[in-house]
Each structure stands twice: as C-alpha cells, then as structure tokens.
N, C-alpha and C. Protein backbone atom coordinates (compact mmCIF):
# COMPACT_ATOMS: atom_id res chain seq x y z
N MET A 1 -5.50 1.98 26.72
CA MET A 1 -6.14 0.72 27.06
C MET A 1 -7.65 0.97 27.13
N PRO A 2 -8.44 0.12 26.49
CA PRO A 2 -9.90 0.28 26.56
C PRO A 2 -10.41 0.07 27.98
N ASP A 3 -11.57 0.61 28.24
CA ASP A 3 -12.23 0.48 29.53
C ASP A 3 -12.44 -1.00 29.87
N GLU A 4 -12.35 -1.32 31.14
CA GLU A 4 -12.48 -2.71 31.61
C GLU A 4 -13.80 -3.35 31.17
N GLU A 5 -14.87 -2.59 31.21
CA GLU A 5 -16.18 -3.12 30.81
C GLU A 5 -16.20 -3.47 29.32
N LEU A 6 -15.56 -2.66 28.49
CA LEU A 6 -15.47 -2.96 27.06
C LEU A 6 -14.67 -4.22 26.81
N LEU A 7 -13.58 -4.38 27.56
CA LEU A 7 -12.77 -5.59 27.43
C LEU A 7 -13.56 -6.83 27.83
N TYR A 8 -14.36 -6.71 28.88
CA TYR A 8 -15.20 -7.81 29.32
C TYR A 8 -16.22 -8.17 28.24
N ASP A 9 -16.85 -7.14 27.64
CA ASP A 9 -17.82 -7.37 26.57
C ASP A 9 -17.17 -8.02 25.35
N LEU A 10 -15.96 -7.61 25.02
CA LEU A 10 -15.24 -8.20 23.89
C LEU A 10 -14.92 -9.67 24.15
N ALA A 11 -14.49 -9.97 25.36
CA ALA A 11 -14.21 -11.36 25.73
C ALA A 11 -15.48 -12.21 25.62
N ASP A 12 -16.61 -11.67 26.06
CA ASP A 12 -17.89 -12.39 25.94
C ASP A 12 -18.25 -12.64 24.49
N LEU A 13 -18.01 -11.66 23.63
CA LEU A 13 -18.29 -11.84 22.21
C LEU A 13 -17.46 -12.98 21.64
N PHE A 14 -16.19 -13.02 21.96
CA PHE A 14 -15.33 -14.08 21.43
C PHE A 14 -15.72 -15.45 21.98
N LYS A 15 -16.27 -15.50 23.18
CA LYS A 15 -16.74 -16.77 23.73
C LYS A 15 -17.86 -17.37 22.88
N VAL A 16 -18.67 -16.51 22.26
CA VAL A 16 -19.77 -17.00 21.42
C VAL A 16 -19.23 -17.78 20.23
N PHE A 17 -18.06 -17.42 19.75
CA PHE A 17 -17.44 -18.09 18.61
C PHE A 17 -16.76 -19.41 19.00
N ALA A 18 -16.83 -19.79 20.27
CA ALA A 18 -16.12 -20.97 20.76
C ALA A 18 -16.92 -22.26 20.62
N ASP A 19 -17.99 -22.24 19.83
CA ASP A 19 -18.82 -23.43 19.66
C ASP A 19 -18.99 -23.71 18.17
N THR A 20 -18.64 -24.92 17.74
CA THR A 20 -18.69 -25.23 16.30
C THR A 20 -20.11 -25.21 15.75
N THR A 21 -21.10 -25.55 16.54
CA THR A 21 -22.48 -25.48 16.05
C THR A 21 -22.86 -24.04 15.74
N ARG A 22 -22.47 -23.12 16.60
CA ARG A 22 -22.77 -21.71 16.34
C ARG A 22 -22.03 -21.22 15.10
N ILE A 23 -20.79 -21.64 14.92
CA ILE A 23 -20.03 -21.26 13.73
C ILE A 23 -20.72 -21.81 12.47
N LYS A 24 -21.17 -23.05 12.52
CA LYS A 24 -21.88 -23.63 11.37
C LYS A 24 -23.15 -22.84 11.06
N ILE A 25 -23.87 -22.44 12.09
CA ILE A 25 -25.08 -21.65 11.87
C ILE A 25 -24.75 -20.33 11.19
N LEU A 26 -23.71 -19.67 11.67
CA LEU A 26 -23.32 -18.39 11.07
C LEU A 26 -22.93 -18.57 9.60
N TYR A 27 -22.18 -19.63 9.30
CA TYR A 27 -21.83 -19.89 7.90
C TYR A 27 -23.06 -20.20 7.06
N ALA A 28 -24.01 -20.93 7.62
CA ALA A 28 -25.24 -21.26 6.89
C ALA A 28 -26.03 -20.00 6.55
N LEU A 29 -25.93 -18.99 7.41
CA LEU A 29 -26.69 -17.76 7.21
C LEU A 29 -25.98 -16.73 6.34
N MET A 30 -24.78 -17.01 5.91
CA MET A 30 -24.05 -16.04 5.08
C MET A 30 -24.80 -15.79 3.78
N GLY A 31 -25.25 -14.57 3.64
CA GLY A 31 -25.87 -14.14 2.39
C GLY A 31 -27.30 -14.59 2.18
N ARG A 32 -27.94 -15.16 3.22
CA ARG A 32 -29.32 -15.61 3.04
C ARG A 32 -30.05 -15.70 4.38
N GLU A 33 -31.36 -15.73 4.26
CA GLU A 33 -32.23 -15.94 5.41
C GLU A 33 -32.68 -17.39 5.42
N LEU A 34 -32.75 -17.96 6.61
CA LEU A 34 -33.21 -19.34 6.74
C LEU A 34 -34.07 -19.50 7.98
N ALA A 35 -34.99 -20.45 7.91
CA ALA A 35 -35.78 -20.84 9.07
C ALA A 35 -35.00 -21.88 9.88
N VAL A 36 -35.40 -22.10 11.11
CA VAL A 36 -34.71 -23.03 11.99
C VAL A 36 -34.58 -24.41 11.36
N GLY A 37 -35.66 -24.91 10.78
CA GLY A 37 -35.63 -26.24 10.17
C GLY A 37 -34.63 -26.33 9.04
N ASP A 38 -34.54 -25.28 8.24
CA ASP A 38 -33.59 -25.26 7.13
C ASP A 38 -32.15 -25.24 7.64
N ILE A 39 -31.92 -24.46 8.68
CA ILE A 39 -30.58 -24.41 9.28
C ILE A 39 -30.21 -25.79 9.83
N ALA A 40 -31.15 -26.41 10.54
CA ALA A 40 -30.90 -27.73 11.13
C ALA A 40 -30.54 -28.74 10.04
N ASP A 41 -31.27 -28.72 8.93
CA ASP A 41 -30.98 -29.65 7.83
C ASP A 41 -29.58 -29.39 7.25
N LEU A 42 -29.24 -28.12 7.07
CA LEU A 42 -27.95 -27.77 6.47
C LEU A 42 -26.76 -28.19 7.32
N ILE A 43 -26.89 -28.02 8.63
CA ILE A 43 -25.72 -28.28 9.48
C ILE A 43 -25.78 -29.66 10.15
N GLY A 44 -26.86 -30.39 9.93
CA GLY A 44 -26.95 -31.73 10.50
C GLY A 44 -27.18 -31.75 12.00
N ALA A 45 -28.02 -30.85 12.48
CA ALA A 45 -28.33 -30.77 13.90
C ALA A 45 -29.85 -30.83 14.08
N THR A 46 -30.28 -31.01 15.30
CA THR A 46 -31.72 -31.00 15.57
C THR A 46 -32.22 -29.56 15.62
N GLN A 47 -33.52 -29.40 15.39
CA GLN A 47 -34.11 -28.07 15.47
C GLN A 47 -33.99 -27.50 16.88
N SER A 48 -34.09 -28.37 17.86
CA SER A 48 -33.96 -27.93 19.25
C SER A 48 -32.56 -27.38 19.52
N ALA A 49 -31.54 -28.08 19.04
CA ALA A 49 -30.16 -27.62 19.23
C ALA A 49 -29.92 -26.29 18.51
N VAL A 50 -30.45 -26.18 17.29
CA VAL A 50 -30.29 -24.94 16.53
C VAL A 50 -31.00 -23.79 17.23
N SER A 51 -32.21 -24.02 17.70
CA SER A 51 -32.95 -22.97 18.41
C SER A 51 -32.19 -22.49 19.64
N HIS A 52 -31.62 -23.44 20.38
CA HIS A 52 -30.85 -23.09 21.57
C HIS A 52 -29.65 -22.21 21.21
N GLN A 53 -28.93 -22.58 20.15
CA GLN A 53 -27.75 -21.81 19.75
C GLN A 53 -28.14 -20.46 19.14
N LEU A 54 -29.26 -20.42 18.43
CA LEU A 54 -29.72 -19.15 17.87
C LEU A 54 -30.03 -18.14 18.98
N ARG A 55 -30.53 -18.61 20.10
CA ARG A 55 -30.81 -17.73 21.23
C ARG A 55 -29.51 -17.05 21.68
N THR A 56 -28.44 -17.83 21.79
CA THR A 56 -27.15 -17.27 22.17
C THR A 56 -26.65 -16.28 21.14
N LEU A 57 -26.79 -16.62 19.86
CA LEU A 57 -26.34 -15.74 18.79
C LEU A 57 -27.16 -14.45 18.74
N LYS A 58 -28.45 -14.52 19.04
CA LYS A 58 -29.28 -13.32 19.09
C LYS A 58 -28.85 -12.42 20.24
N GLN A 59 -28.59 -13.02 21.41
CA GLN A 59 -28.18 -12.25 22.58
C GLN A 59 -26.86 -11.52 22.33
N ALA A 60 -26.01 -12.11 21.49
CA ALA A 60 -24.72 -11.50 21.16
C ALA A 60 -24.83 -10.55 19.97
N HIS A 61 -26.05 -10.36 19.46
CA HIS A 61 -26.32 -9.47 18.33
C HIS A 61 -25.58 -9.89 17.06
N LEU A 62 -25.39 -11.21 16.90
CA LEU A 62 -24.74 -11.73 15.70
C LEU A 62 -25.75 -12.16 14.64
N VAL A 63 -26.96 -12.48 15.06
CA VAL A 63 -28.04 -12.80 14.12
C VAL A 63 -29.26 -11.96 14.44
N LYS A 64 -30.06 -11.75 13.42
CA LYS A 64 -31.34 -11.05 13.60
C LYS A 64 -32.42 -11.95 13.05
N PHE A 65 -33.66 -11.62 13.34
CA PHE A 65 -34.77 -12.43 12.86
C PHE A 65 -35.94 -11.55 12.47
N ARG A 66 -36.79 -12.13 11.66
CA ARG A 66 -38.05 -11.47 11.30
C ARG A 66 -39.10 -12.55 11.14
N ARG A 67 -40.31 -12.18 11.46
CA ARG A 67 -41.42 -13.12 11.32
C ARG A 67 -41.95 -13.07 9.90
N ASP A 68 -42.22 -14.24 9.36
CA ASP A 68 -42.80 -14.38 8.02
C ASP A 68 -43.98 -15.34 8.15
N GLY A 69 -45.14 -14.79 8.51
CA GLY A 69 -46.29 -15.64 8.81
C GLY A 69 -46.02 -16.38 10.10
N LYS A 70 -46.09 -17.71 10.04
CA LYS A 70 -45.80 -18.53 11.22
C LYS A 70 -44.32 -18.86 11.35
N SER A 71 -43.56 -18.59 10.32
CA SER A 71 -42.13 -18.89 10.33
C SER A 71 -41.33 -17.71 10.87
N VAL A 72 -40.17 -18.04 11.41
CA VAL A 72 -39.21 -17.02 11.83
C VAL A 72 -37.98 -17.21 10.96
N MET A 73 -37.59 -16.15 10.28
CA MET A 73 -36.44 -16.20 9.38
C MET A 73 -35.25 -15.53 10.04
N TYR A 74 -34.10 -16.20 9.98
CA TYR A 74 -32.88 -15.71 10.61
C TYR A 74 -31.86 -15.31 9.55
N SER A 75 -31.05 -14.30 9.88
CA SER A 75 -29.97 -13.86 9.00
C SER A 75 -28.87 -13.25 9.87
N LEU A 76 -27.69 -13.03 9.27
CA LEU A 76 -26.61 -12.37 10.00
C LEU A 76 -27.03 -10.93 10.31
N SER A 77 -26.63 -10.43 11.44
CA SER A 77 -27.02 -9.09 11.85
C SER A 77 -26.50 -8.01 10.92
N ASP A 78 -25.24 -8.15 10.52
CA ASP A 78 -24.64 -7.14 9.64
C ASP A 78 -23.34 -7.69 9.04
N ASP A 79 -22.69 -6.86 8.25
CA ASP A 79 -21.46 -7.28 7.58
C ASP A 79 -20.30 -7.53 8.54
N HIS A 80 -20.38 -6.98 9.75
CA HIS A 80 -19.31 -7.21 10.72
C HIS A 80 -19.17 -8.69 11.06
N VAL A 81 -20.29 -9.40 11.12
CA VAL A 81 -20.26 -10.83 11.45
C VAL A 81 -19.51 -11.59 10.37
N TYR A 82 -19.84 -11.29 9.11
CA TYR A 82 -19.14 -11.91 7.99
C TYR A 82 -17.65 -11.60 8.06
N THR A 83 -17.31 -10.36 8.34
CA THR A 83 -15.91 -9.94 8.41
C THR A 83 -15.16 -10.67 9.52
N MET A 84 -15.78 -10.83 10.68
CA MET A 84 -15.12 -11.53 11.78
C MET A 84 -14.84 -12.99 11.41
N LEU A 85 -15.81 -13.64 10.77
CA LEU A 85 -15.61 -15.03 10.35
C LEU A 85 -14.53 -15.13 9.29
N ALA A 86 -14.57 -14.24 8.31
CA ALA A 86 -13.59 -14.26 7.22
C ALA A 86 -12.18 -14.00 7.76
N GLN A 87 -12.04 -13.04 8.65
CA GLN A 87 -10.74 -12.72 9.24
C GLN A 87 -10.21 -13.90 10.08
N GLY A 88 -11.10 -14.51 10.85
CA GLY A 88 -10.69 -15.67 11.64
C GLY A 88 -10.23 -16.82 10.78
N MET A 89 -10.97 -17.09 9.70
CA MET A 89 -10.60 -18.18 8.79
C MET A 89 -9.28 -17.87 8.11
N SER A 90 -9.11 -16.63 7.69
CA SER A 90 -7.86 -16.21 7.05
C SER A 90 -6.68 -16.40 8.01
N HIS A 91 -6.89 -16.04 9.26
CA HIS A 91 -5.82 -16.15 10.25
C HIS A 91 -5.40 -17.62 10.46
N ILE A 92 -6.35 -18.51 10.60
CA ILE A 92 -5.98 -19.91 10.85
C ILE A 92 -5.47 -20.64 9.62
N CYS A 93 -5.76 -20.10 8.44
CA CYS A 93 -5.29 -20.75 7.20
C CYS A 93 -3.91 -20.27 6.78
N GLU A 94 -3.34 -19.31 7.47
CA GLU A 94 -2.01 -18.79 7.10
C GLU A 94 -0.93 -19.80 7.41
C-alpha cells in the first residue's frame, strides 16, 4: 500500500480533473501553446475564468507557461497529462 501522503496527493490530483472547464483547457492545449485569450475563445469562457482555472492547473503541475514578450503562453506540462486524459476518455467510452 502506498504511503498515506502519496494517496492524499493522488486524490488531490484527481480532484483537479473534476471540473469541465479545466478539462476543456487541457484539451485545448494538447499539442500546442496558447495564450489565455486564445484558450478563452476556443472553449467559450471568459479570460478571467480561464486565468482562474489555469492557476489551479499550474499548482497541480498539469500546465506550464513561458513569457513571450507581454504574453504568457501555456502548454501541457508533459506527456503524462495527455496520457491521463486519453486513458480517462478510453475508459468512459468502453
């Protein structure tokens, strides 16, 4: 059995996936970098709502960012994020 603290951290990670706006953001970022405004346009949300959700996704290490002049570009942190989404989708589509 994994350590209690690891189980707690895993439960927290799965909680991040419990919001459809965050899921939409992650799908929007698959394979590309986007600015907040571009993400908001793609998913049909306000920039404020996207910024709020991106903060949660950054804290969970699911997205990363880099500055490009005055813009901040966001992307998936690594291939594990893509794999988690793909596995989850595969599971519910069975």
